Amino acid sequence: MKILDLTLTISNKIPTFPGSPQPNFIPWEKIKDGGYNLELLFLSSHTGTHLDAPYHFLEKGSKIHEISLKKLVSNAVLIKSRKKRNETITKTDIQKFEKKHGKIESFSSVVFWTGWQRNLQKDNYFTKNPGLSVSAANYLASKKIGLVGIDSPSIDLGTDFKFPVHQIFAKKGMLIVENLANLEKIKSPKFHLVVLPLKLKGATGSPVRAIAFVD
């Protein structure tokens, strides 16, 4: 069994979604003064590799602190489908995976590698990213998938500001993890996924430590 870290490192230089603040770690205490080091964290709850709760797009949706641990520790499949800017992951892409590797089980997690994270430091990372098509989102929702993850900054296309995929998943109580890292290191189509957000009461999202357990 091998453990892989699927998490971006958060720093004051990490790229952030347009309109979100740049993270800042504010020194608060020093060993020379109070006997210990301490910092304050200033950042959006959707910074770096992060989890979207349904409440992010649904007023009556579950908030971060209400999410069941059963959804955060799961069997997962990795669908590798390289995509260019503004290109969608389609229902056909998912069905091709199932034809080769078997049907995706209900309540499992589905993770997409698109290769887009190579553009993390480019200006178009947040504005031209690939994402799921509406038909692909509805297909996953019909299979009662618990969590969907991706290596891009949004599960929706960067050009679609109506966020239809977020809306579909929120209404079904499905979780979203964005900005997953190191997915190319997973060689098997099936693995065990652990995604641990901070238990922030009432929050729409949280940075996570995402981990893959692979054979």
N, C-alpha and C. Protein backbone atom coordinates (compact mmCIF):
# COMPACT_ATOMS: atom_id res chain seq x y z
N MET A 1 0.83 -1.20 0.00
CA MET A 1 0.00 0.00 0.00
C MET A 1 0.87 1.25 0.00
N LYS A 2 0.58 2.18 -0.90
CA LYS A 2 1.33 3.43 -1.01
C LYS A 2 0.40 4.60 -0.75
N ILE A 3 0.91 5.63 -0.07
CA ILE A 3 0.11 6.82 0.22
C ILE A 3 0.61 7.98 -0.64
N LEU A 4 -0.31 8.62 -1.36
CA LEU A 4 0.02 9.76 -2.21
C LEU A 4 -0.71 11.00 -1.73
N ASP A 5 0.00 12.11 -1.69
CA ASP A 5 -0.60 13.39 -1.31
C ASP A 5 -1.17 14.05 -2.57
N LEU A 6 -2.45 14.36 -2.55
CA LEU A 6 -3.13 14.95 -3.70
C LEU A 6 -3.43 16.43 -3.48
N THR A 7 -2.65 17.07 -2.62
CA THR A 7 -2.96 18.40 -2.12
C THR A 7 -1.94 19.45 -2.56
N LEU A 8 -2.43 20.59 -3.03
CA LEU A 8 -1.56 21.73 -3.28
C LEU A 8 -1.12 22.35 -1.96
N THR A 9 0.09 22.86 -1.91
CA THR A 9 0.57 23.57 -0.72
C THR A 9 0.07 25.01 -0.76
N ILE A 10 -0.59 25.42 0.32
CA ILE A 10 -1.10 26.79 0.40
C ILE A 10 -0.02 27.71 0.94
N SER A 11 0.22 28.79 0.22
CA SER A 11 1.15 29.83 0.65
C SER A 11 0.58 31.17 0.23
N ASN A 12 1.28 32.23 0.55
CA ASN A 12 0.79 33.55 0.15
C ASN A 12 1.00 33.82 -1.34
N LYS A 13 1.57 32.84 -2.04
CA LYS A 13 1.79 32.99 -3.48
C LYS A 13 0.92 32.06 -4.32
N ILE A 14 0.10 31.23 -3.67
CA ILE A 14 -0.72 30.30 -4.44
C ILE A 14 -1.75 31.07 -5.26
N PRO A 15 -1.94 30.72 -6.54
CA PRO A 15 -2.97 31.39 -7.34
C PRO A 15 -4.36 31.18 -6.73
N THR A 16 -5.20 32.19 -6.81
CA THR A 16 -6.54 32.12 -6.23
C THR A 16 -7.59 32.45 -7.27
N PHE A 17 -8.79 31.96 -7.02
CA PHE A 17 -9.92 32.19 -7.92
C PHE A 17 -10.20 33.69 -8.02
N PRO A 18 -10.52 34.20 -9.22
CA PRO A 18 -10.79 35.63 -9.36
C PRO A 18 -11.84 36.12 -8.37
N GLY A 19 -11.53 37.18 -7.66
CA GLY A 19 -12.43 37.73 -6.65
C GLY A 19 -12.13 37.24 -5.25
N SER A 20 -11.32 36.19 -5.14
CA SER A 20 -10.95 35.67 -3.82
C SER A 20 -9.66 36.34 -3.34
N PRO A 21 -9.51 36.50 -2.03
CA PRO A 21 -8.31 37.16 -1.51
C PRO A 21 -7.08 36.27 -1.60
N GLN A 22 -5.95 36.90 -1.68
CA GLN A 22 -4.69 36.17 -1.62
C GLN A 22 -4.44 35.75 -0.17
N PRO A 23 -4.06 34.48 0.07
CA PRO A 23 -3.82 34.04 1.45
C PRO A 23 -2.72 34.86 2.12
N ASN A 24 -2.86 35.02 3.41
CA ASN A 24 -1.84 35.74 4.17
C ASN A 24 -1.69 35.06 5.53
N PHE A 25 -0.48 34.68 5.86
CA PHE A 25 -0.18 34.12 7.17
C PHE A 25 0.41 35.25 8.01
N ILE A 26 -0.35 35.70 8.98
CA ILE A 26 0.01 36.90 9.74
C ILE A 26 0.69 36.50 11.05
N PRO A 27 1.96 36.83 11.24
CA PRO A 27 2.64 36.49 12.50
C PRO A 27 1.89 37.12 13.68
N TRP A 28 1.65 36.31 14.72
CA TRP A 28 0.88 36.78 15.88
C TRP A 28 1.67 36.69 17.19
N GLU A 29 2.52 35.68 17.24
CA GLU A 29 3.33 35.51 18.45
C GLU A 29 4.67 34.92 18.06
N LYS A 30 5.71 35.28 18.79
CA LYS A 30 7.05 34.78 18.53
C LYS A 30 7.62 34.14 19.80
N ILE A 31 8.47 33.12 19.59
CA ILE A 31 9.09 32.43 20.73
C ILE A 31 9.83 33.42 21.62
N LYS A 32 10.52 34.36 21.01
CA LYS A 32 11.32 35.31 21.80
C LYS A 32 10.45 36.22 22.67
N ASP A 33 9.17 36.35 22.31
CA ASP A 33 8.28 37.22 23.08
C ASP A 33 7.38 36.44 24.04
N GLY A 34 6.69 35.43 23.52
CA GLY A 34 5.72 34.72 24.34
C GLY A 34 6.04 33.26 24.61
N GLY A 35 7.16 32.78 24.06
CA GLY A 35 7.55 31.40 24.31
C GLY A 35 7.09 30.42 23.24
N TYR A 36 6.35 30.90 22.23
CA TYR A 36 5.90 30.02 21.16
C TYR A 36 5.64 30.85 19.91
N ASN A 37 5.64 30.16 18.76
CA ASN A 37 5.30 30.79 17.49
C ASN A 37 3.83 30.55 17.16
N LEU A 38 3.18 31.55 16.59
CA LEU A 38 1.76 31.44 16.25
C LEU A 38 1.46 32.41 15.11
N GLU A 39 0.59 31.98 14.19
CA GLU A 39 0.19 32.86 13.11
C GLU A 39 -1.32 32.85 12.94
N LEU A 40 -1.86 33.93 12.41
CA LEU A 40 -3.26 34.00 12.00
C LEU A 40 -3.34 33.66 10.52
N LEU A 41 -4.42 32.99 10.13
CA LEU A 41 -4.60 32.62 8.73
C LEU A 41 -5.70 33.48 8.11
N PHE A 42 -5.39 34.13 7.02
CA PHE A 42 -6.38 34.90 6.26
C PHE A 42 -6.47 34.30 4.87
N LEU A 43 -7.60 33.65 4.58
CA LEU A 43 -7.75 33.02 3.27
C LEU A 43 -9.21 32.66 3.05
N SER A 44 -9.58 32.51 1.79
CA SER A 44 -10.90 32.02 1.43
C SER A 44 -11.03 30.56 1.81
N SER A 45 -12.25 30.14 2.11
CA SER A 45 -12.50 28.73 2.43
C SER A 45 -12.39 27.85 1.18
N HIS A 46 -12.20 28.47 0.02
CA HIS A 46 -12.06 27.72 -1.23
C HIS A 46 -10.67 27.95 -1.84
N THR A 47 -9.68 27.94 -0.97
CA THR A 47 -8.29 28.15 -1.39
C THR A 47 -7.59 26.81 -1.63
N GLY A 48 -6.77 26.75 -2.68
CA GLY A 48 -5.99 25.54 -2.93
C GLY A 48 -6.87 24.33 -3.22
N THR A 49 -6.40 23.17 -2.83
CA THR A 49 -7.21 21.95 -2.94
C THR A 49 -8.30 22.05 -1.88
N HIS A 50 -9.55 22.09 -2.31
CA HIS A 50 -10.62 22.38 -1.36
C HIS A 50 -11.90 21.62 -1.69
N LEU A 51 -12.76 21.56 -0.69
CA LEU A 51 -14.04 20.87 -0.81
C LEU A 51 -15.17 21.89 -0.86
N ASP A 52 -16.07 21.71 -1.82
CA ASP A 52 -17.30 22.50 -1.88
C ASP A 52 -18.42 21.73 -1.19
N ALA A 53 -19.04 22.34 -0.20
CA ALA A 53 -20.25 21.76 0.38
C ALA A 53 -21.44 22.15 -0.49
N PRO A 54 -22.53 21.38 -0.47
CA PRO A 54 -23.71 21.76 -1.25
C PRO A 54 -24.21 23.17 -0.95
N TYR A 55 -24.00 23.64 0.28
CA TYR A 55 -24.42 24.98 0.68
C TYR A 55 -23.75 26.08 -0.15
N HIS A 56 -22.66 25.77 -0.79
CA HIS A 56 -21.95 26.73 -1.64
C HIS A 56 -22.86 27.26 -2.75
N PHE A 57 -23.76 26.39 -3.24
CA PHE A 57 -24.66 26.79 -4.32
C PHE A 57 -26.13 26.49 -4.03
N LEU A 58 -26.44 26.04 -2.84
CA LEU A 58 -27.82 25.71 -2.49
C LEU A 58 -28.10 26.21 -1.08
N GLU A 59 -29.04 27.13 -0.95
CA GLU A 59 -29.30 27.78 0.33
C GLU A 59 -29.60 26.79 1.44
N LYS A 60 -30.30 25.70 1.11
CA LYS A 60 -30.65 24.71 2.12
C LYS A 60 -29.73 23.48 2.07
N GLY A 61 -28.64 23.60 1.36
CA GLY A 61 -27.71 22.48 1.24
C GLY A 61 -26.88 22.28 2.49
N SER A 62 -26.27 21.11 2.59
CA SER A 62 -25.43 20.79 3.75
C SER A 62 -24.23 21.71 3.81
N LYS A 63 -23.88 22.10 5.03
CA LYS A 63 -22.70 22.91 5.26
C LYS A 63 -21.53 21.98 5.60
N ILE A 64 -20.33 22.53 5.58
CA ILE A 64 -19.13 21.71 5.76
C ILE A 64 -19.19 20.87 7.03
N HIS A 65 -19.61 21.46 8.14
CA HIS A 65 -19.58 20.72 9.41
C HIS A 65 -20.64 19.63 9.46
N GLU A 66 -21.56 19.62 8.51
CA GLU A 66 -22.64 18.64 8.51
C GLU A 66 -22.36 17.43 7.61
N ILE A 67 -21.25 17.44 6.91
CA ILE A 67 -20.96 16.38 5.95
C ILE A 67 -20.55 15.09 6.65
N SER A 68 -21.15 13.99 6.22
CA SER A 68 -20.85 12.68 6.80
C SER A 68 -19.44 12.22 6.44
N LEU A 69 -18.76 11.64 7.41
CA LEU A 69 -17.42 11.10 7.15
C LEU A 69 -17.45 9.99 6.10
N LYS A 70 -18.60 9.34 5.95
CA LYS A 70 -18.70 8.26 4.96
C LYS A 70 -18.47 8.78 3.54
N LYS A 71 -18.76 10.05 3.31
CA LYS A 71 -18.53 10.63 1.99
C LYS A 71 -17.09 11.08 1.80
N LEU A 72 -16.38 11.24 2.90
CA LEU A 72 -15.02 11.77 2.85
C LEU A 72 -13.97 10.67 2.80
N VAL A 73 -14.36 9.46 3.11
CA VAL A 73 -13.48 8.29 3.04
C VAL A 73 -14.19 7.29 2.14
N SER A 74 -13.64 7.03 0.97
CA SER A 74 -14.42 6.29 -0.02
C SER A 74 -13.55 5.51 -1.00
N ASN A 75 -14.20 4.57 -1.67
CA ASN A 75 -13.60 3.94 -2.84
C ASN A 75 -13.75 4.92 -4.00
N ALA A 76 -12.72 5.04 -4.82
CA ALA A 76 -12.73 6.03 -5.89
C ALA A 76 -12.24 5.43 -7.20
N VAL A 77 -12.66 6.05 -8.29
CA VAL A 77 -12.13 5.71 -9.61
C VAL A 77 -11.48 6.96 -10.19
N LEU A 78 -10.43 6.77 -10.95
CA LEU A 78 -9.73 7.87 -11.60
C LEU A 78 -9.91 7.76 -13.11
N ILE A 79 -10.55 8.76 -13.68
CA ILE A 79 -10.76 8.81 -15.12
C ILE A 79 -9.77 9.81 -15.71
N LYS A 80 -8.83 9.30 -16.49
CA LYS A 80 -7.82 10.16 -17.10
C LYS A 80 -8.28 10.53 -18.51
N SER A 81 -8.50 11.80 -18.71
CA SER A 81 -8.98 12.30 -19.99
C SER A 81 -8.37 13.68 -20.22
N ARG A 82 -7.25 13.72 -20.92
CA ARG A 82 -6.56 15.00 -21.12
C ARG A 82 -7.46 15.97 -21.89
N LYS A 83 -7.57 17.18 -21.36
CA LYS A 83 -8.42 18.19 -21.97
C LYS A 83 -7.66 19.50 -22.16
N LYS A 84 -8.02 20.19 -23.23
CA LYS A 84 -7.44 21.50 -23.51
C LYS A 84 -8.34 22.58 -22.92
N ARG A 85 -7.97 23.82 -23.13
CA ARG A 85 -8.76 24.92 -22.55
C ARG A 85 -10.18 24.91 -23.10
N ASN A 86 -11.13 25.18 -22.21
CA ASN A 86 -12.56 25.25 -22.53
C ASN A 86 -13.14 23.94 -23.06
N GLU A 87 -12.45 22.83 -22.84
CA GLU A 87 -12.92 21.54 -23.35
C GLU A 87 -13.67 20.79 -22.26
N THR A 88 -14.77 20.15 -22.63
CA THR A 88 -15.60 19.47 -21.63
C THR A 88 -15.26 18.00 -21.49
N ILE A 89 -15.45 17.52 -20.27
CA ILE A 89 -15.47 16.08 -19.98
C ILE A 89 -16.90 15.64 -20.25
N THR A 90 -17.07 14.69 -21.13
CA THR A 90 -18.41 14.33 -21.59
C THR A 90 -18.92 13.04 -20.95
N LYS A 91 -20.19 12.82 -21.11
CA LYS A 91 -20.81 11.56 -20.69
C LYS A 91 -20.14 10.39 -21.41
N THR A 92 -19.81 10.59 -22.66
CA THR A 92 -19.14 9.55 -23.45
C THR A 92 -17.78 9.20 -22.85
N ASP A 93 -17.04 10.20 -22.37
CA ASP A 93 -15.75 9.93 -21.72
C ASP A 93 -15.93 8.98 -20.54
N ILE A 94 -16.98 9.21 -19.76
CA ILE A 94 -17.24 8.38 -18.59
C ILE A 94 -17.65 6.97 -19.01
N GLN A 95 -18.50 6.88 -20.01
CA GLN A 95 -18.97 5.57 -20.47
C GLN A 95 -17.85 4.76 -21.11
N LYS A 96 -16.91 5.42 -21.75
CA LYS A 96 -15.74 4.71 -22.30
C LYS A 96 -14.92 4.10 -21.17
N PHE A 97 -14.78 4.86 -20.08
CA PHE A 97 -14.07 4.34 -18.92
C PHE A 97 -14.79 3.11 -18.37
N GLU A 98 -16.10 3.20 -18.25
CA GLU A 98 -16.88 2.08 -17.71
C GLU A 98 -16.81 0.86 -18.62
N LYS A 99 -16.78 1.07 -19.90
CA LYS A 99 -16.69 -0.05 -20.83
C LYS A 99 -15.39 -0.81 -20.64
N LYS A 100 -14.33 -0.08 -20.29
CA LYS A 100 -13.01 -0.69 -20.12
C LYS A 100 -12.80 -1.25 -18.72
N HIS A 101 -13.32 -0.55 -17.70
CA HIS A 101 -13.00 -0.89 -16.32
C HIS A 101 -14.20 -1.34 -15.48
N GLY A 102 -15.39 -1.37 -16.06
CA GLY A 102 -16.57 -1.78 -15.32
C GLY A 102 -17.38 -0.59 -14.83
N LYS A 103 -18.63 -0.85 -14.50
CA LYS A 103 -19.54 0.20 -14.07
C LYS A 103 -19.05 0.86 -12.77
N ILE A 104 -19.23 2.15 -12.70
CA ILE A 104 -18.89 2.90 -11.48
C ILE A 104 -19.97 2.65 -10.44
N GLU A 105 -19.56 2.27 -9.26
CA GLU A 105 -20.51 1.92 -8.20
C GLU A 105 -21.14 3.16 -7.58
N SER A 106 -22.40 3.01 -7.17
CA SER A 106 -23.10 4.08 -6.46
C SER A 106 -22.37 4.40 -5.16
N PHE A 107 -22.44 5.66 -4.77
CA PHE A 107 -21.87 6.17 -3.51
C PHE A 107 -20.34 6.18 -3.49
N SER A 108 -19.72 5.86 -4.61
CA SER A 108 -18.26 5.96 -4.69
C SER A 108 -17.87 7.38 -5.09
N SER A 109 -16.57 7.63 -5.18
CA SER A 109 -16.07 8.93 -5.63
C SER A 109 -15.51 8.78 -7.04
N VAL A 110 -15.68 9.83 -7.83
CA VAL A 110 -15.16 9.84 -9.19
C VAL A 110 -14.21 11.04 -9.33
N VAL A 111 -12.98 10.76 -9.74
CA VAL A 111 -11.95 11.80 -9.84
C VAL A 111 -11.48 11.89 -11.29
N PHE A 112 -11.35 13.12 -11.77
CA PHE A 112 -10.94 13.35 -13.16
C PHE A 112 -9.56 13.99 -13.23
N TRP A 113 -8.69 13.38 -14.03
CA TRP A 113 -7.41 13.99 -14.38
C TRP A 113 -7.52 14.53 -15.79
N THR A 114 -7.27 15.83 -15.96
CA THR A 114 -7.34 16.45 -17.28
C THR A 114 -5.97 16.95 -17.75
N GLY A 115 -5.02 17.02 -16.82
CA GLY A 115 -3.72 17.58 -17.14
C GLY A 115 -3.68 19.09 -17.08
N TRP A 116 -4.80 19.71 -16.71
CA TRP A 116 -4.88 21.17 -16.73
C TRP A 116 -4.01 21.84 -15.67
N GLN A 117 -3.69 21.12 -14.60
CA GLN A 117 -2.95 21.77 -13.52
C GLN A 117 -1.54 22.19 -13.92
N ARG A 118 -1.08 21.74 -15.05
CA ARG A 118 0.21 22.21 -15.56
C ARG A 118 0.17 23.72 -15.83
N ASN A 119 -1.03 24.28 -15.92
CA ASN A 119 -1.20 25.71 -16.18
C ASN A 119 -1.43 26.52 -14.92
N LEU A 120 -1.15 25.95 -13.76
CA LEU A 120 -1.46 26.60 -12.48
C LEU A 120 -0.93 28.02 -12.39
N GLN A 121 0.24 28.26 -12.92
CA GLN A 121 0.86 29.58 -12.81
C GLN A 121 0.54 30.49 -14.01
N LYS A 122 -0.32 30.05 -14.88
CA LYS A 122 -0.67 30.87 -16.05
C LYS A 122 -1.94 31.68 -15.81
N ASP A 123 -2.09 32.77 -16.54
CA ASP A 123 -3.22 33.67 -16.35
C ASP A 123 -4.56 33.02 -16.68
N ASN A 124 -4.55 32.02 -17.58
CA ASN A 124 -5.81 31.42 -18.01
C ASN A 124 -6.22 30.22 -17.16
N TYR A 125 -5.50 29.93 -16.09
CA TYR A 125 -5.79 28.74 -15.29
C TYR A 125 -7.23 28.74 -14.79
N PHE A 126 -7.71 29.90 -14.33
CA PHE A 126 -9.05 29.99 -13.76
C PHE A 126 -10.12 30.39 -14.77
N THR A 127 -9.72 30.84 -15.95
CA THR A 127 -10.70 31.38 -16.89
C THR A 127 -10.95 30.51 -18.11
N LYS A 128 -10.06 29.57 -18.38
CA LYS A 128 -10.20 28.73 -19.57
C LYS A 128 -10.18 27.24 -19.23
N ASN A 129 -10.34 26.91 -17.96
CA ASN A 129 -10.17 25.52 -17.53
C ASN A 129 -11.24 24.59 -18.09
N PRO A 130 -10.89 23.33 -18.30
CA PRO A 130 -11.88 22.33 -18.68
C PRO A 130 -12.79 22.01 -17.50
N GLY A 131 -13.94 21.43 -17.81
CA GLY A 131 -14.88 21.04 -16.77
C GLY A 131 -15.87 20.04 -17.32
N LEU A 132 -16.80 19.62 -16.48
CA LEU A 132 -17.78 18.62 -16.90
C LEU A 132 -18.88 19.26 -17.75
N SER A 133 -19.38 18.49 -18.70
CA SER A 133 -20.58 18.90 -19.42
C SER A 133 -21.79 18.64 -18.53
N VAL A 134 -22.89 19.27 -18.86
CA VAL A 134 -24.12 19.06 -18.09
C VAL A 134 -24.57 17.60 -18.19
N SER A 135 -24.45 17.01 -19.35
CA SER A 135 -24.86 15.60 -19.51
C SER A 135 -23.99 14.68 -18.68
N ALA A 136 -22.69 14.97 -18.58
CA ALA A 136 -21.81 14.17 -17.73
C ALA A 136 -22.19 14.33 -16.27
N ALA A 137 -22.51 15.55 -15.87
CA ALA A 137 -22.91 15.80 -14.48
C ALA A 137 -24.20 15.07 -14.14
N ASN A 138 -25.17 15.13 -15.03
CA ASN A 138 -26.44 14.44 -14.80
C ASN A 138 -26.24 12.93 -14.76
N TYR A 139 -25.34 12.43 -15.58
CA TYR A 139 -25.05 10.99 -15.59
C TYR A 139 -24.48 10.55 -14.25
N LEU A 140 -23.52 11.30 -13.72
CA LEU A 140 -22.95 10.96 -12.41
C LEU A 140 -23.98 11.09 -11.31
N ALA A 141 -24.82 12.11 -11.39
CA ALA A 141 -25.86 12.30 -10.38
C ALA A 141 -26.84 11.13 -10.40
N SER A 142 -27.14 10.62 -11.58
CA SER A 142 -28.08 9.49 -11.70
C SER A 142 -27.50 8.21 -11.09
N LYS A 143 -26.18 8.14 -11.00
CA LYS A 143 -25.52 6.97 -10.43
C LYS A 143 -25.31 7.12 -8.91
N LYS A 144 -25.79 8.22 -8.36
CA LYS A 144 -25.71 8.48 -6.91
C LYS A 144 -24.25 8.49 -6.42
N ILE A 145 -23.42 9.18 -7.18
CA ILE A 145 -22.01 9.35 -6.79
C ILE A 145 -21.94 10.29 -5.59
N GLY A 146 -21.07 9.98 -4.64
CA GLY A 146 -21.00 10.78 -3.42
C GLY A 146 -20.13 12.01 -3.55
N LEU A 147 -19.03 11.88 -4.32
CA LEU A 147 -18.05 12.97 -4.43
C LEU A 147 -17.43 12.94 -5.81
N VAL A 148 -17.22 14.13 -6.37
CA VAL A 148 -16.55 14.26 -7.66
C VAL A 148 -15.37 15.21 -7.50
N GLY A 149 -14.19 14.78 -7.96
CA GLY A 149 -12.99 15.60 -7.85
C GLY A 149 -12.37 15.85 -9.20
N ILE A 150 -11.55 16.91 -9.27
CA ILE A 150 -10.92 17.27 -10.54
C ILE A 150 -9.61 18.01 -10.27
N ASP A 151 -8.70 17.97 -11.24
CA ASP A 151 -7.41 18.65 -11.09
C ASP A 151 -7.44 20.08 -11.62
N SER A 152 -8.60 20.57 -11.98
CA SER A 152 -8.73 21.96 -12.43
C SER A 152 -9.36 22.79 -11.31
N PRO A 153 -9.42 24.13 -11.45
CA PRO A 153 -9.92 24.96 -10.36
C PRO A 153 -11.42 24.93 -10.19
N SER A 154 -12.14 24.36 -11.16
CA SER A 154 -13.59 24.30 -11.06
C SER A 154 -14.11 23.08 -11.79
N ILE A 155 -15.17 22.51 -11.27
CA ILE A 155 -15.82 21.39 -11.92
C ILE A 155 -16.59 21.86 -13.15
N ASP A 156 -16.90 23.16 -13.18
CA ASP A 156 -17.52 23.79 -14.35
C ASP A 156 -16.45 24.36 -15.27
N LEU A 157 -16.80 24.56 -16.52
CA LEU A 157 -15.91 25.25 -17.44
C LEU A 157 -15.60 26.65 -16.92
N GLY A 158 -14.38 27.10 -17.13
CA GLY A 158 -13.99 28.43 -16.66
C GLY A 158 -14.77 29.56 -17.30
N THR A 159 -15.36 29.29 -18.46
CA THR A 159 -16.12 30.32 -19.17
C THR A 159 -17.60 30.33 -18.81
N ASP A 160 -18.05 29.39 -17.98
CA ASP A 160 -19.48 29.28 -17.66
C ASP A 160 -19.75 29.81 -16.26
N PHE A 161 -20.24 31.04 -16.19
CA PHE A 161 -20.46 31.68 -14.90
C PHE A 161 -21.84 31.39 -14.31
N LYS A 162 -22.60 30.49 -14.95
CA LYS A 162 -23.86 30.04 -14.36
C LYS A 162 -23.64 28.81 -13.48
N PHE A 163 -22.47 28.21 -13.58
CA PHE A 163 -22.06 27.08 -12.74
C PHE A 163 -23.11 25.95 -12.73
N PRO A 164 -23.52 25.46 -13.90
CA PRO A 164 -24.58 24.44 -13.94
C PRO A 164 -24.21 23.13 -13.26
N VAL A 165 -22.94 22.72 -13.36
CA VAL A 165 -22.54 21.45 -12.75
C VAL A 165 -22.56 21.57 -11.23
N HIS A 166 -22.07 22.68 -10.71
CA HIS A 166 -22.18 22.93 -9.26
C HIS A 166 -23.64 22.85 -8.82
N GLN A 167 -24.53 23.44 -9.61
CA GLN A 167 -25.95 23.45 -9.26
C GLN A 167 -26.53 22.04 -9.22
N ILE A 168 -26.20 21.25 -10.23
CA ILE A 168 -26.70 19.87 -10.31
C ILE A 168 -26.23 19.06 -9.11
N PHE A 169 -24.94 19.13 -8.82
CA PHE A 169 -24.39 18.34 -7.72
C PHE A 169 -24.91 18.81 -6.37
N ALA A 170 -25.05 20.11 -6.19
CA ALA A 170 -25.55 20.64 -4.91
C ALA A 170 -26.95 20.13 -4.63
N LYS A 171 -27.79 20.12 -5.64
CA LYS A 171 -29.18 19.67 -5.45
C LYS A 171 -29.25 18.18 -5.12
N LYS A 172 -28.24 17.43 -5.50
CA LYS A 172 -28.20 15.99 -5.21
C LYS A 172 -27.38 15.68 -3.95
N GLY A 173 -26.89 16.72 -3.29
CA GLY A 173 -26.09 16.50 -2.08
C GLY A 173 -24.71 15.94 -2.35
N MET A 174 -24.21 16.12 -3.56
CA MET A 174 -22.90 15.58 -3.95
C MET A 174 -21.80 16.58 -3.60
N LEU A 175 -20.66 16.06 -3.19
CA LEU A 175 -19.53 16.90 -2.82
C LEU A 175 -18.61 17.11 -4.02
N ILE A 176 -17.88 18.22 -4.00
CA ILE A 176 -16.95 18.56 -5.07
C ILE A 176 -15.59 18.88 -4.47
N VAL A 177 -14.54 18.29 -5.03
CA VAL A 177 -13.17 18.63 -4.64
C VAL A 177 -12.46 19.17 -5.88
N GLU A 178 -11.91 20.36 -5.75
CA GLU A 178 -11.24 21.01 -6.88
C GLU A 178 -9.76 21.25 -6.57
N ASN A 179 -8.99 21.42 -7.64
CA ASN A 179 -7.54 21.64 -7.51
C ASN A 179 -6.79 20.44 -6.92
N LEU A 180 -7.24 19.24 -7.22
CA LEU A 180 -6.49 18.05 -6.79
C LEU A 180 -5.15 18.01 -7.51
N ALA A 181 -4.13 17.55 -6.81
CA ALA A 181 -2.77 17.53 -7.35
C ALA A 181 -2.24 16.09 -7.44
N ASN A 182 -1.23 15.90 -8.26
CA ASN A 182 -0.48 14.64 -8.33
C ASN A 182 -1.31 13.45 -8.80
N LEU A 183 -2.41 13.70 -9.48
CA LEU A 183 -3.24 12.58 -9.93
C LEU A 183 -2.53 11.70 -10.95
N GLU A 184 -1.56 12.27 -11.66
CA GLU A 184 -0.82 11.49 -12.65
C GLU A 184 0.02 10.39 -12.00
N LYS A 185 0.23 10.49 -10.69
CA LYS A 185 1.02 9.49 -9.97
C LYS A 185 0.19 8.24 -9.63
N ILE A 186 -1.11 8.34 -9.80
CA ILE A 186 -1.98 7.19 -9.55
C ILE A 186 -2.05 6.37 -10.84
N LYS A 187 -1.57 5.15 -10.79
CA LYS A 187 -1.47 4.32 -11.99
C LYS A 187 -2.68 3.41 -12.18
N SER A 188 -3.38 3.12 -11.11
CA SER A 188 -4.54 2.24 -11.18
C SER A 188 -5.82 3.05 -11.36
N PRO A 189 -6.81 2.51 -12.07
CA PRO A 189 -8.08 3.24 -12.21
C PRO A 189 -8.91 3.25 -10.94
N LYS A 190 -8.54 2.42 -9.97
CA LYS A 190 -9.29 2.36 -8.72
C LYS A 190 -8.35 2.56 -7.54
N PHE A 191 -8.80 3.34 -6.58
CA PHE A 191 -7.98 3.60 -5.39
C PHE A 191 -8.88 3.99 -4.23
N HIS A 192 -8.27 4.21 -3.08
CA HIS A 192 -9.02 4.61 -1.89
C HIS A 192 -8.71 6.08 -1.64
N LEU A 193 -9.76 6.88 -1.47
CA LEU A 193 -9.61 8.34 -1.35
C LEU A 193 -10.04 8.82 0.03
N VAL A 194 -9.22 9.68 0.62
CA VAL A 194 -9.56 10.34 1.88
C VAL A 194 -9.44 11.84 1.66
N VAL A 195 -10.51 12.56 1.97
CA VAL A 195 -10.55 14.02 1.82
C VAL A 195 -11.01 14.61 3.14
N LEU A 196 -10.14 15.33 3.82
CA LEU A 196 -10.46 15.82 5.16
C LEU A 196 -10.48 17.35 5.22
N PRO A 197 -11.70 17.94 5.26
CA PRO A 197 -11.83 19.38 5.43
C PRO A 197 -11.79 19.75 6.91
N LEU A 198 -11.53 21.01 7.18
CA LEU A 198 -11.70 21.50 8.54
C LEU A 198 -13.19 21.50 8.88
N LYS A 199 -13.52 21.25 10.13
CA LYS A 199 -14.92 21.21 10.55
C LYS A 199 -15.35 22.62 10.93
N LEU A 200 -15.64 23.42 9.90
CA LEU A 200 -15.98 24.83 10.07
C LEU A 200 -17.50 24.99 10.08
N LYS A 201 -18.04 25.38 11.20
CA LYS A 201 -19.50 25.47 11.32
C LYS A 201 -20.07 26.53 10.39
N GLY A 202 -21.02 26.11 9.58
CA GLY A 202 -21.72 27.02 8.70
C GLY A 202 -21.00 27.38 7.42
N ALA A 203 -19.84 26.78 7.16
CA ALA A 203 -19.03 27.19 6.01
C ALA A 203 -19.48 26.53 4.71
N THR A 204 -19.19 27.22 3.61
CA THR A 204 -19.52 26.72 2.28
C THR A 204 -18.45 25.78 1.73
N GLY A 205 -17.26 25.84 2.31
CA GLY A 205 -16.16 25.01 1.83
C GLY A 205 -15.01 25.03 2.80
N SER A 206 -13.97 24.30 2.45
CA SER A 206 -12.78 24.27 3.30
C SER A 206 -11.59 23.73 2.51
N PRO A 207 -10.40 24.28 2.73
CA PRO A 207 -9.21 23.60 2.24
C PRO A 207 -9.17 22.19 2.82
N VAL A 208 -8.62 21.25 2.08
CA VAL A 208 -8.57 19.86 2.54
C VAL A 208 -7.15 19.32 2.42
N ARG A 209 -6.91 18.24 3.13
CA ARG A 209 -5.75 17.37 2.85
C ARG A 209 -6.34 16.15 2.17
N ALA A 210 -6.04 15.99 0.90
CA ALA A 210 -6.55 14.87 0.12
C ALA A 210 -5.45 13.82 -0.05
N ILE A 211 -5.80 12.58 0.21
CA ILE A 211 -4.82 11.49 0.21
C ILE A 211 -5.37 10.30 -0.58
N ALA A 212 -4.51 9.69 -1.38
CA ALA A 212 -4.86 8.47 -2.09
C ALA A 212 -4.08 7.30 -1.51
N PHE A 213 -4.77 6.19 -1.28
CA PHE A 213 -4.13 4.94 -0.90
C PHE A 213 -4.19 4.03 -2.13
N VAL A 214 -3.03 3.66 -2.64
CA VAL A 214 -2.97 2.86 -3.87
C VAL A 214 -2.14 1.61 -3.63
N ASP A 215 -2.43 0.57 -4.38
CA ASP A 215 -1.67 -0.68 -4.28
C ASP A 215 -0.35 -0.55 -5.02
